[in-house]
Amino acid sequence: MQTERAARARPLPWRDQDERVETGATLSRDSTWRLSHASLPDPPDEVLVVRFQSGDRAAFAMLVRRHQSGLYNFALRNLRERTAAEDVVQEAFVRVAQSAADFKADARFSTWVYTIVRNLCIDQIRKNALRRHPSLDESRKSDEGDGPTLGEQTADPRGRADVERTVEGGRLKARILEAIDSLPEDQREVYLMREMSNLRFKEIADITGVPENTVKSRMRYALERLQEALVEFEEHARALR
């Protein structure tokens, strides 16, 4: 009986000692690879630019994928025409590719590329004698496809389907678009960069070439104007404060 218990307690032998060593090494390598690749963070924009400067085209493609949606939305809200916005963004990335060698590693890529798009929008607006306004009502694009319009984002998140709520949401949507469109150019520009592109005030200041406090003032005035325009929709106007 003791002999049987001792036999059970004894570890099962490996067929080959070398097989045990090789298997352990393989498992160790696999585990190390999984750990090192499981949660690799995306490289910062500036690192991607440096890689592109060294000839890495995949790095440039990643920059395009990362920023084209936000740049397109910004251009669209300024130009109010899909084709013009697409052309501006395409031209901006062409200029980025052509001038990548001049990019300084201590600068922010987002500031650089938004400055290019902003200047292209200004040039385009100056060329157009008439400005059209319907595109503020178009869907926002993202990497996953068309997103909600600005009015839909502000609508009741619970999505109640009753007729009164639907009518109210439609009126609010139209009023928001009208209010944003009526903002002074400098305030609307800051509002769009802050709310649509999620840029920091410091970046917006660098892009527009005005002090950061001026940018914050323009944002405050824009919000005050929107609150006044949405006074009949008190609940939503309070959300802007």
Foldseek 3Di string as FASTA:
>chain_A
DVVVVVVVPDDDDDPDPVVVVVVVVVVVVVVVVCVVPVDDDDDALLVLLVVVVVPPVVSLVVVCQVCVLLQLQLLCQLQVDNVLSVVLLVVLSVVCSVCSVVDDSVDHPVLVSSLSSVVSSVVVVVVDPDGDQPNLCAFRAHSVGTHHHPLVVLQDPVPDDDPVSVVVSVVSSVLLSVQLVPQPPLLSSLCCCCPRVVDDLVSVCSSVVHDSVVSVVSPVVSLVSSLVSCVVVVVSNVVSD
